[in-house]
Amino acid sequence: MTGWHRRKPIETARTGPRLTPTLSWPHLMAMGIGSIVGTGILTLIGVGADRAGPAVLLSFAIAGAICACAALAYAEMATMMPAAGSAYTYSYAVLGETIAWAVGWSLILEYSLVVSTVAVGWSGYAAPLLTAVGFPRALTMGPALGGIANIPAIFIIAVVAGLLCVGTKESARLNTLLVAIKIVTLALFVAVALPAFNAQNLHPFMPHGFAKMVEPDGTARGVMAAAAIIFFAFYGFDAISTAAEEAKRPERDLSIGIVGSMLACTVIYVLVAAAAVGALPYTRFANSPEPLALILREMGRGQVAHIIAVAAVIALPTVILGFLYGQSRIFLVMARDGFLPTKLAAISSRGTPVRITILTAILVSILAGILPIDQIAALANAGTLIAFIAVAVCMLVMRRRAPAIKRPFRAPLAWLVGPGAVLGCLYLFASLPAKTIEWCLLWNAIGLVIYLLYGRHRSLLGQEAPRL
């Protein structure tokens, strides 16, 4: 079986320079929580409120349910195939090389744009603090918003990339500390805002309806339109699956990290979202780059707002760390397979892929420096939805193709969970802004051309792989 449909056995995925296994389940769970709880709740809740009004609560619930189905599929595939590469690796082993390339290309879109989005969100909290001490405002936003370049966003990406180059274990330890700061910060917001809950702020609950509708200003609004954007708020657990090669006991640690982080984050999101929309009319914080701090200032709690803003500046880099880590590992495996120059797969003496990490940081810095947050987030979601669909399909195919294969974690109700993830992600994809879908299709068309002209002939899998 050559070309289009050839599959790579998981044993082949584990060849090449090895990353050092240094992570246990607490590290992975902290990485998951750090990646999930971030821009989605700290910044994108404002974008979601603009799209759906108070019904953004329903948007969070729908996006969370779909992500829960995808997380269960990821947990099964990650423990069954504990190799670096996440959805790309699973697709290569189960669905074939061409689909694997498309998934890998979509993951490049997802991870790169997530890092850019979070960096812009971090800059939204850092900018008021910087401008207060004389930093030029034009250097805190991209050209689309009237500035020159978003220098704070570029700066934080460089700092996190440097940390990842130093070492994975050191990065994981710092990440755990910052995650704790982030959770305490959100608990502080809930403690202050929830007592001010006013049911009148929930009316009208669904001002833009349920299904996506494009309004005269060209903006897609509605509960599902918001869900398609703030879907960004829930994913991050997939970054855990990229750490399979560096997990000490992947058959146990990966499932705990993926499922545990999703459960913890769901509880956090419900509390924070309810406190936010109940404390202030949504129109007053819609589309704000720092909605939680804004809500507190509007409540007359300026000191607490300042604490939230400072804590966000400190803690948001955990999301950048998780996704920049994941992106570098995706690039690493694709380089091992020949889809990218193999020299990029070099591992440093400290056991980290320095070259690929620096390359990734340069790419996402350019995006973060010039693009606004809502456009980045929407396009990042498109790539993620494609990857989630592929993982759910891989799980279902393997249930049929190899029912007896060892599965350290088995997704419950697989024939409900799998189709639920696929259909839910397809609906969310259709609910994305039309321009986002067009850009995503263009991105994949470019990827297909690159695969045909370069990747297909460079692939290191030169013969048919044994079937699983």
Protein backbone atom coordinates (compact mmCIF):
# COMPACT_ATOMS: atom_id res chain seq x y z
CA MET A 1 0.00 0.00 0.00
CA THR A 2 1.91 3.06 -1.22
CA GLY A 3 1.30 6.75 -1.10
CA TRP A 4 -2.14 7.89 -0.10
CA HIS A 5 -3.19 5.14 2.29
CA ARG A 6 0.01 3.75 3.77
CA ARG A 7 -0.03 3.51 7.53
CA LYS A 8 2.77 3.71 10.06
CA PRO A 9 2.86 1.19 12.92
CA ILE A 10 3.23 2.70 16.36
CA GLU A 11 6.62 1.03 16.80
CA THR A 12 7.94 3.12 13.91
CA ALA A 13 6.62 6.26 15.60
CA ARG A 14 8.94 5.60 18.53
CA THR A 15 12.17 5.53 16.52
CA GLY A 16 14.64 8.40 16.28
CA PRO A 17 16.17 10.57 19.00
CA ARG A 18 14.23 10.05 22.20
CA LEU A 19 12.90 12.69 24.54
CA THR A 20 13.59 12.10 28.23
CA PRO A 21 10.62 10.77 30.28
CA THR A 22 10.45 13.16 33.24
CA LEU A 23 6.71 13.87 33.70
CA SER A 24 4.26 12.16 36.06
CA TRP A 25 0.48 12.59 36.22
CA PRO A 26 0.51 15.66 38.53
CA HIS A 27 2.73 17.44 35.98
CA LEU A 28 0.42 16.43 33.13
CA MET A 29 -2.73 17.41 35.00
CA ALA A 30 -1.20 20.78 35.84
CA MET A 31 -0.25 21.18 32.18
CA GLY A 32 -3.84 20.37 31.18
CA ILE A 33 -5.40 22.81 33.65
CA GLY A 34 -2.79 25.42 32.77
CA SER A 35 -3.54 25.02 29.05
CA ILE A 36 -7.34 24.93 29.39
CA VAL A 37 -7.95 27.64 31.99
CA GLY A 38 -6.59 30.74 30.41
CA THR A 39 -7.57 33.01 27.56
CA GLY A 40 -10.95 31.34 27.17
CA ILE A 41 -12.23 32.46 30.55
CA LEU A 42 -9.94 35.43 31.20
CA THR A 43 -10.42 37.14 27.83
CA LEU A 44 -12.69 35.31 25.38
CA ILE A 45 -15.69 35.40 27.70
CA GLY A 46 -16.05 38.99 26.49
CA VAL A 47 -16.06 37.90 22.84
CA GLY A 48 -18.55 35.14 23.65
CA ALA A 49 -20.86 37.53 25.47
CA ASP A 50 -20.86 39.82 22.44
CA ARG A 51 -21.93 36.89 20.24
CA ALA A 52 -24.56 35.28 22.50
CA GLY A 53 -25.41 37.68 25.35
CA PRO A 54 -26.10 36.01 28.72
CA ALA A 55 -26.70 32.75 26.83
CA VAL A 56 -22.91 32.54 26.65
CA LEU A 57 -23.47 30.26 29.67
CA LEU A 58 -25.24 27.83 27.34
CA SER A 59 -22.44 28.24 24.79
CA PHE A 60 -19.94 27.19 27.44
CA ALA A 61 -22.05 24.13 28.31
CA ILE A 62 -22.36 23.00 24.68
CA ALA A 63 -18.68 23.52 23.89
CA GLY A 64 -17.74 21.73 27.12
CA ALA A 65 -19.92 18.69 26.34
CA ILE A 66 -18.40 18.32 22.88
CA CYS A 67 -14.90 18.69 24.29
CA ALA A 68 -15.66 16.08 26.97
CA CYS A 69 -16.47 13.54 24.24
CA ALA A 70 -13.27 14.43 22.39
CA ALA A 71 -11.25 14.20 25.64
CA LEU A 72 -12.44 10.64 26.26
CA ALA A 73 -11.44 9.66 22.73
CA TYR A 74 -8.03 11.27 23.23
CA ALA A 75 -7.53 9.43 26.52
CA GLU A 76 -8.19 6.07 24.89
CA MET A 77 -5.95 6.71 21.89
CA ALA A 78 -3.13 8.29 23.95
CA THR A 79 -2.86 5.35 26.35
CA MET A 80 -3.19 2.81 23.54
CA MET A 81 -0.54 4.57 21.42
CA PRO A 82 1.75 6.38 23.91
CA ALA A 83 3.96 8.14 21.36
CA ALA A 84 4.61 11.82 20.69
CA GLY A 85 2.54 13.44 17.96
CA SER A 86 -1.00 13.37 19.34
CA ALA A 87 -3.74 13.30 16.67
CA TYR A 88 -1.17 13.31 13.87
CA THR A 89 0.42 10.07 15.11
CA TYR A 90 -2.93 8.35 15.71
CA SER A 91 -4.12 9.30 12.22
CA TYR A 92 -0.90 8.03 10.63
CA ALA A 93 -1.28 4.65 12.35
CA VAL A 94 -5.03 4.27 11.79
CA LEU A 95 -6.25 6.33 8.83
CA GLY A 96 -3.21 6.63 6.58
CA GLU A 97 -0.51 9.06 5.53
CA THR A 98 -2.58 11.57 3.56
CA ILE A 99 -5.11 12.09 6.34
CA ALA A 100 -2.25 12.21 8.85
CA TRP A 101 -0.65 15.02 6.88
CA ALA A 102 -3.96 16.94 6.81
CA VAL A 103 -4.36 16.47 10.57
CA GLY A 104 -0.75 17.49 11.23
CA TRP A 105 -1.21 20.55 9.04
CA SER A 106 -4.37 21.42 11.00
CA LEU A 107 -2.51 20.95 14.30
CA ILE A 108 0.10 23.42 13.09
CA LEU A 109 -2.75 25.87 12.57
CA GLU A 110 -4.28 25.09 15.98
CA TYR A 111 -1.22 25.25 18.19
CA SER A 112 0.45 28.17 16.46
CA LEU A 113 -2.68 30.29 16.61
CA VAL A 114 -3.52 29.28 20.18
CA VAL A 115 -0.14 30.49 21.37
CA SER A 116 -0.65 33.71 19.40
CA THR A 117 -4.15 34.22 20.83
CA VAL A 118 -3.05 33.72 24.42
CA ALA A 119 -0.07 36.01 23.92
CA VAL A 120 -2.42 38.73 22.63
CA GLY A 121 -4.73 38.07 25.59
CA TRP A 122 -1.79 38.33 27.98
CA SER A 123 -0.85 41.60 26.34
CA GLY A 124 -4.42 42.85 26.91
CA TYR A 125 -3.87 42.54 30.67
CA ALA A 126 -0.24 43.68 30.61
CA ALA A 127 -0.77 46.74 28.36
CA PRO A 128 -2.58 48.95 30.94
CA LEU A 129 0.17 48.21 33.45
CA LEU A 130 2.86 49.06 30.89
CA THR A 131 1.24 52.23 29.50
CA ALA A 132 0.82 53.48 33.07
CA VAL A 133 4.62 53.64 33.35
CA GLY A 134 5.13 55.30 29.94
CA PHE A 135 5.31 52.36 27.48
CA PRO A 136 4.05 53.52 24.02
CA ARG A 137 0.45 52.42 23.44
CA ALA A 138 1.14 51.90 19.71
CA LEU A 139 3.54 49.11 20.65
CA THR A 140 0.87 47.17 22.58
CA MET A 141 -1.43 46.37 19.63
CA GLY A 142 -1.18 45.20 16.05
CA PRO A 143 -1.83 47.24 12.87
CA ALA A 144 -5.46 46.00 12.64
CA LEU A 145 -6.22 47.86 15.88
CA GLY A 146 -4.32 51.03 14.94
CA GLY A 147 -0.98 50.14 16.51
CA ILE A 148 2.43 49.21 15.14
CA ALA A 149 3.13 45.81 16.70
CA ASN A 150 2.13 43.94 19.85
CA ILE A 151 5.52 43.92 21.55
CA PRO A 152 4.32 42.49 24.92
CA ALA A 153 2.84 39.47 23.09
CA ILE A 154 6.11 38.87 21.25
CA PHE A 155 8.07 39.26 24.48
CA ILE A 156 6.12 36.66 26.47
CA ILE A 157 6.42 34.09 23.66
CA ALA A 158 10.20 34.59 23.69
CA VAL A 159 10.34 34.11 27.48
CA VAL A 160 8.31 30.88 27.41
CA ALA A 161 10.28 29.50 24.45
CA GLY A 162 13.50 30.14 26.36
CA LEU A 163 12.13 28.29 29.37
CA LEU A 164 11.17 25.28 27.23
CA CYS A 165 14.64 25.20 25.73
CA VAL A 166 16.14 24.99 29.22
CA GLY A 167 14.30 21.78 30.09
CA THR A 168 10.92 20.05 30.22
CA LYS A 169 10.97 19.13 33.91
CA GLU A 170 11.98 22.64 34.95
CA SER A 171 9.18 24.05 32.80
CA ALA A 172 6.66 21.64 34.35
CA ARG A 173 7.60 22.69 37.89
CA LEU A 174 7.19 26.38 37.16
CA ASN A 175 3.95 25.65 35.31
CA THR A 176 2.50 23.90 38.38
CA LEU A 177 3.25 26.94 40.54
CA LEU A 178 1.66 29.34 38.04
CA VAL A 179 -1.43 27.13 37.70
CA ALA A 180 -1.94 27.38 41.46
CA ILE A 181 -1.75 31.19 41.20
CA LYS A 182 -4.29 31.14 38.38
CA ILE A 183 -6.81 29.03 40.31
CA VAL A 184 -6.50 31.25 43.40
CA THR A 185 -7.05 34.30 41.16
CA LEU A 186 -10.26 32.89 39.67
CA ALA A 187 -11.48 31.89 43.13
CA LEU A 188 -10.94 35.50 44.23
CA PHE A 189 -12.99 36.77 41.28
CA VAL A 190 -15.87 34.38 42.08
CA ALA A 191 -15.77 35.29 45.79
CA VAL A 192 -16.12 39.01 44.95
CA ALA A 193 -18.45 38.90 41.91
CA LEU A 194 -20.86 36.08 42.76
CA PRO A 195 -22.45 37.86 45.77
CA ALA A 196 -23.35 40.71 43.35
CA PHE A 197 -25.28 38.32 41.10
CA ASN A 198 -28.35 40.05 39.66
CA ALA A 199 -30.85 37.91 37.73
CA GLN A 200 -31.92 40.99 35.74
CA ASN A 201 -28.55 40.89 33.98
CA LEU A 202 -29.63 37.60 32.35
CA HIS A 203 -32.54 39.24 30.47
CA PRO A 204 -32.95 38.91 27.59
CA PHE A 205 -31.15 35.60 27.97
CA MET A 206 -30.78 34.78 24.27
CA PRO A 207 -30.83 38.14 22.41
CA HIS A 208 -29.29 36.73 19.23
CA GLY A 209 -31.06 33.36 19.10
CA PHE A 210 -29.60 29.85 19.19
CA ALA A 211 -28.33 29.08 15.67
CA LYS A 212 -25.65 31.14 13.95
CA MET A 213 -26.99 34.24 12.24
CA VAL A 214 -24.93 36.77 10.33
CA GLU A 215 -26.09 40.24 11.35
CA PRO A 216 -25.92 43.42 9.21
CA ASP A 217 -22.51 44.35 10.65
CA GLY A 218 -21.17 41.08 9.24
CA THR A 219 -20.66 39.45 12.65
CA ALA A 220 -21.95 35.90 13.23
CA ARG A 221 -24.00 35.83 16.42
CA GLY A 222 -26.09 33.31 18.34
CA VAL A 223 -25.45 30.64 20.97
CA MET A 224 -23.73 28.30 18.51
CA ALA A 225 -21.70 31.10 16.94
CA ALA A 226 -20.40 31.92 20.43
CA ALA A 227 -19.82 28.23 21.19
CA ALA A 228 -17.72 27.94 18.03
CA ILE A 229 -15.49 30.75 19.32
CA ILE A 230 -15.30 29.94 23.04
CA PHE A 231 -14.78 26.28 22.20
CA PHE A 232 -11.23 27.61 22.40
CA ALA A 233 -11.77 27.90 26.16
CA PHE A 234 -12.01 24.15 26.69
CA TYR A 235 -9.35 22.55 24.62
CA GLY A 236 -5.85 22.21 25.93
CA PHE A 237 -6.12 18.63 27.13
CA ASP A 238 -4.87 17.59 23.68
CA ALA A 239 -1.53 19.20 24.55
CA ILE A 240 -1.19 16.49 27.21
CA SER A 241 -1.27 13.77 24.56
CA THR A 242 1.79 15.32 22.88
CA ALA A 243 3.73 14.56 26.10
CA ALA A 244 3.31 10.78 25.76
CA GLU A 245 6.99 10.23 25.01
CA GLU A 246 8.01 12.19 28.12
CA ALA A 247 5.51 10.60 30.53
CA LYS A 248 7.01 8.22 33.09
CA ARG A 249 4.00 5.86 33.04
CA PRO A 250 1.99 6.89 29.94
CA GLU A 251 -0.56 4.09 30.30
CA ARG A 252 -1.67 5.65 33.61
CA ASP A 253 -0.49 9.25 33.59
CA LEU A 254 -2.03 10.32 30.27
CA SER A 255 -5.62 9.28 31.07
CA ILE A 256 -5.48 10.90 34.53
CA GLY A 257 -4.06 14.10 33.06
CA ILE A 258 -6.56 14.36 30.19
CA VAL A 259 -9.80 13.38 31.98
CA GLY A 260 -8.86 14.95 35.32
CA SER A 261 -8.00 18.33 33.84
CA MET A 262 -11.27 18.45 31.87
CA LEU A 263 -13.37 17.70 34.96
CA ALA A 264 -11.58 20.30 37.09
CA CYS A 265 -11.83 22.96 34.42
CA THR A 266 -15.54 22.39 33.81
CA VAL A 267 -16.29 23.22 37.44
CA ILE A 268 -14.07 26.31 37.30
CA TYR A 269 -15.70 27.59 34.11
CA VAL A 270 -19.27 27.20 35.35
CA LEU A 271 -18.53 29.22 38.49
CA VAL A 272 -16.56 32.00 36.77
CA ALA A 273 -18.97 32.41 33.83
CA ALA A 274 -22.01 32.57 36.13
CA ALA A 275 -20.32 35.16 38.34
CA ALA A 276 -19.33 37.29 35.32
CA VAL A 277 -22.67 37.48 33.51
CA GLY A 278 -24.59 37.87 36.75
CA ALA A 279 -22.50 40.72 38.13
CA LEU A 280 -22.73 43.12 35.17
CA PRO A 281 -24.83 43.55 31.98
CA TYR A 282 -22.94 41.73 29.25
CA THR A 283 -22.90 44.77 26.93
CA ARG A 284 -20.53 46.53 29.31
CA PHE A 285 -17.77 43.94 29.05
CA ALA A 286 -18.44 42.41 25.62
CA ASN A 287 -15.29 42.28 23.47
CA SER A 288 -13.10 43.65 26.27
CA PRO A 289 -9.54 42.22 26.20
CA GLU A 290 -9.67 42.05 30.03
CA PRO A 291 -13.34 41.34 30.89
CA LEU A 292 -12.90 40.04 34.44
CA ALA A 293 -10.82 43.00 35.55
CA LEU A 294 -13.28 45.34 33.80
CA ILE A 295 -16.24 43.77 35.64
CA LEU A 296 -14.54 44.32 38.98
CA ARG A 297 -13.71 47.95 38.17
CA GLU A 298 -17.32 48.57 37.15
CA MET A 299 -18.35 47.11 40.53
CA GLY A 300 -16.12 49.62 42.28
CA ARG A 301 -13.57 46.98 43.29
CA GLY A 302 -10.56 48.58 41.63
CA GLN A 303 -7.99 47.06 43.98
CA VAL A 304 -9.26 43.53 43.35
CA ALA A 305 -9.35 44.28 39.61
CA HIS A 306 -5.69 45.28 39.81
CA ILE A 307 -4.86 42.02 41.61
CA ILE A 308 -6.72 40.04 38.91
CA ALA A 309 -4.87 41.88 36.14
CA VAL A 310 -1.46 41.32 37.75
CA ALA A 311 -2.24 37.64 38.43
CA ALA A 312 -3.36 37.19 34.82
CA VAL A 313 -0.08 38.66 33.63
CA ILE A 314 1.74 36.15 35.85
CA ALA A 315 -0.43 33.08 35.17
CA LEU A 316 -1.56 33.29 31.52
CA PRO A 317 1.87 32.17 30.27
CA THR A 318 0.97 28.65 31.49
CA VAL A 319 -1.30 28.37 28.44
CA ILE A 320 1.47 29.58 26.15
CA LEU A 321 3.82 27.06 27.74
CA GLY A 322 1.43 24.13 27.26
CA PHE A 323 0.63 24.86 23.64
CA LEU A 324 4.10 25.95 22.57
CA TYR A 325 5.32 22.70 24.13
CA GLY A 326 2.69 20.75 22.19
CA GLN A 327 3.40 22.51 18.91
CA SER A 328 7.12 21.82 19.14
CA ARG A 329 6.41 18.11 19.72
CA ILE A 330 4.06 17.94 16.73
CA PHE A 331 6.71 19.58 14.56
CA LEU A 332 9.32 17.21 16.02
CA VAL A 333 7.42 14.07 14.99
CA MET A 334 6.61 15.44 11.53
CA ALA A 335 10.31 16.21 11.07
CA ARG A 336 11.20 12.66 12.13
CA ASP A 337 8.82 11.38 9.47
CA GLY A 338 10.42 13.53 6.79
CA PHE A 339 7.49 15.91 6.30
CA LEU A 340 9.71 18.69 7.63
CA PRO A 341 13.52 18.93 7.33
CA THR A 342 14.91 16.12 9.50
CA LYS A 343 17.61 18.39 10.98
CA LEU A 344 14.83 20.15 12.92
CA ALA A 345 14.30 16.94 14.92
CA ALA A 346 17.64 17.33 16.69
CA ILE A 347 17.51 16.92 20.49
CA SER A 348 19.77 19.06 22.68
CA SER A 349 22.01 17.75 25.47
CA ARG A 350 19.24 18.73 27.93
CA GLY A 351 16.78 16.45 26.11
CA THR A 352 14.71 19.20 24.47
CA PRO A 353 14.06 19.97 20.76
CA VAL A 354 15.65 23.42 20.79
CA ARG A 355 15.68 24.06 17.03
CA ILE A 356 12.02 23.26 16.51
CA THR A 357 11.03 25.23 19.64
CA ILE A 358 12.82 28.37 18.41
CA LEU A 359 11.31 28.00 14.92
CA THR A 360 7.83 27.65 16.41
CA ALA A 361 8.35 30.69 18.64
CA ILE A 362 9.37 32.85 15.68
CA LEU A 363 6.29 31.79 13.71
CA VAL A 364 3.78 32.48 16.48
CA SER A 365 5.47 35.76 17.43
CA ILE A 366 4.83 37.13 13.95
CA LEU A 367 1.14 36.17 14.18
CA ALA A 368 0.71 37.57 17.70
CA GLY A 369 2.40 40.81 16.77
CA ILE A 370 -0.04 41.75 13.99
CA LEU A 371 -3.41 39.96 14.35
CA PRO A 372 -6.39 40.78 16.64
CA ILE A 373 -7.53 38.15 19.15
CA ASP A 374 -10.97 37.22 17.77
CA GLN A 375 -9.68 36.44 14.27
CA ILE A 376 -6.84 34.32 15.67
CA ALA A 377 -9.10 32.35 18.03
CA ALA A 378 -11.71 31.54 15.40
CA LEU A 379 -9.10 30.21 12.95
CA ALA A 380 -7.38 28.22 15.71
CA ASN A 381 -10.71 26.54 16.47
CA ALA A 382 -11.06 25.41 12.87
CA GLY A 383 -7.79 23.48 13.02
CA THR A 384 -8.68 22.00 16.41
CA LEU A 385 -12.08 20.78 15.27
CA ILE A 386 -10.47 18.88 12.39
CA ALA A 387 -8.02 17.20 14.77
CA PHE A 388 -10.77 16.29 17.26
CA ILE A 389 -12.87 14.70 14.51
CA ALA A 390 -9.87 12.65 13.37
CA VAL A 391 -9.15 11.33 16.90
CA ALA A 392 -12.78 10.33 17.45
CA VAL A 393 -12.82 8.53 14.09
CA CYS A 394 -9.53 6.78 14.96
CA MET A 395 -11.04 5.51 18.21
CA LEU A 396 -14.11 4.11 16.41
CA VAL A 397 -12.04 2.53 13.63
CA MET A 398 -9.76 0.83 16.15
CA ARG A 399 -12.76 -0.49 18.09
CA ARG A 400 -13.75 -2.30 14.87
CA ARG A 401 -10.32 -3.14 13.45
CA ALA A 402 -8.61 -4.30 16.64
CA PRO A 403 -11.19 -4.88 19.40
CA ALA A 404 -8.79 -7.07 21.42
CA ILE A 405 -5.82 -4.67 21.47
CA LYS A 406 -4.71 -3.54 24.93
CA ARG A 407 -6.46 -0.35 26.02
CA PRO A 408 -5.25 0.92 29.42
CA PHE A 409 -8.13 3.41 29.28
CA ARG A 410 -11.43 2.60 27.55
CA ALA A 411 -13.79 5.46 26.76
CA PRO A 412 -17.23 4.64 28.21
CA LEU A 413 -20.12 4.38 25.73
CA ALA A 414 -17.67 4.68 22.83
CA TRP A 415 -20.38 4.44 20.17
CA LEU A 416 -22.12 7.45 21.71
CA VAL A 417 -19.00 9.40 22.69
CA GLY A 418 -17.26 9.00 19.30
CA PRO A 419 -20.19 10.08 17.09
CA GLY A 420 -21.02 12.80 19.64
CA ALA A 421 -17.53 14.27 19.22
CA VAL A 422 -17.65 13.99 15.40
CA LEU A 423 -21.13 15.46 14.92
CA GLY A 424 -20.62 18.12 17.58
CA CYS A 425 -17.34 19.27 16.04
CA LEU A 426 -18.88 19.33 12.56
CA TYR A 427 -21.73 21.53 13.83
CA LEU A 428 -19.30 23.87 15.56
CA PHE A 429 -17.19 24.04 12.41
CA ALA A 430 -20.26 25.03 10.39
CA SER A 431 -21.03 27.68 13.05
CA LEU A 432 -17.67 29.42 12.62
CA PRO A 433 -17.63 32.75 10.75
CA ALA A 434 -17.74 32.24 6.97
CA LYS A 435 -14.43 34.03 6.51
CA THR A 436 -12.81 31.69 9.05
CA ILE A 437 -14.05 28.62 7.18
CA GLU A 438 -12.73 30.07 3.91
CA TRP A 439 -9.30 30.72 5.46
CA CYS A 440 -9.25 27.21 6.92
CA LEU A 441 -10.05 25.64 3.53
CA LEU A 442 -7.37 27.79 1.92
CA TRP A 443 -4.87 26.71 4.59
CA ASN A 444 -5.63 23.04 3.91
CA ALA A 445 -5.45 23.54 0.15
CA ILE A 446 -1.96 25.02 0.59
CA GLY A 447 -1.10 22.07 2.81
CA LEU A 448 -2.25 19.57 0.20
CA VAL A 449 -0.07 21.23 -2.44
CA ILE A 450 2.94 21.10 -0.10
CA TYR A 451 2.23 17.42 0.61
CA LEU A 452 2.03 16.54 -3.08
CA LEU A 453 5.14 18.49 -4.04
CA TYR A 454 7.28 17.80 -0.96
CA GLY A 455 5.87 15.69 1.86
CA ARG A 456 4.67 12.64 -0.07
CA HIS A 457 8.06 12.07 -1.63
CA ARG A 458 10.05 12.95 1.50
CA SER A 459 8.08 10.68 3.83
CA LEU A 460 10.38 8.21 5.59
CA LEU A 461 7.71 5.53 5.42
CA GLY A 462 8.74 4.03 2.10
CA GLN A 463 6.85 0.76 2.23
CA GLU A 464 3.56 -0.58 3.36
CA ALA A 465 3.14 -0.64 7.11
CA PRO A 466 1.69 -3.70 8.80
CA ARG A 467 -1.94 -3.29 9.74
CA LEU A 468 -2.82 -2.84 13.37
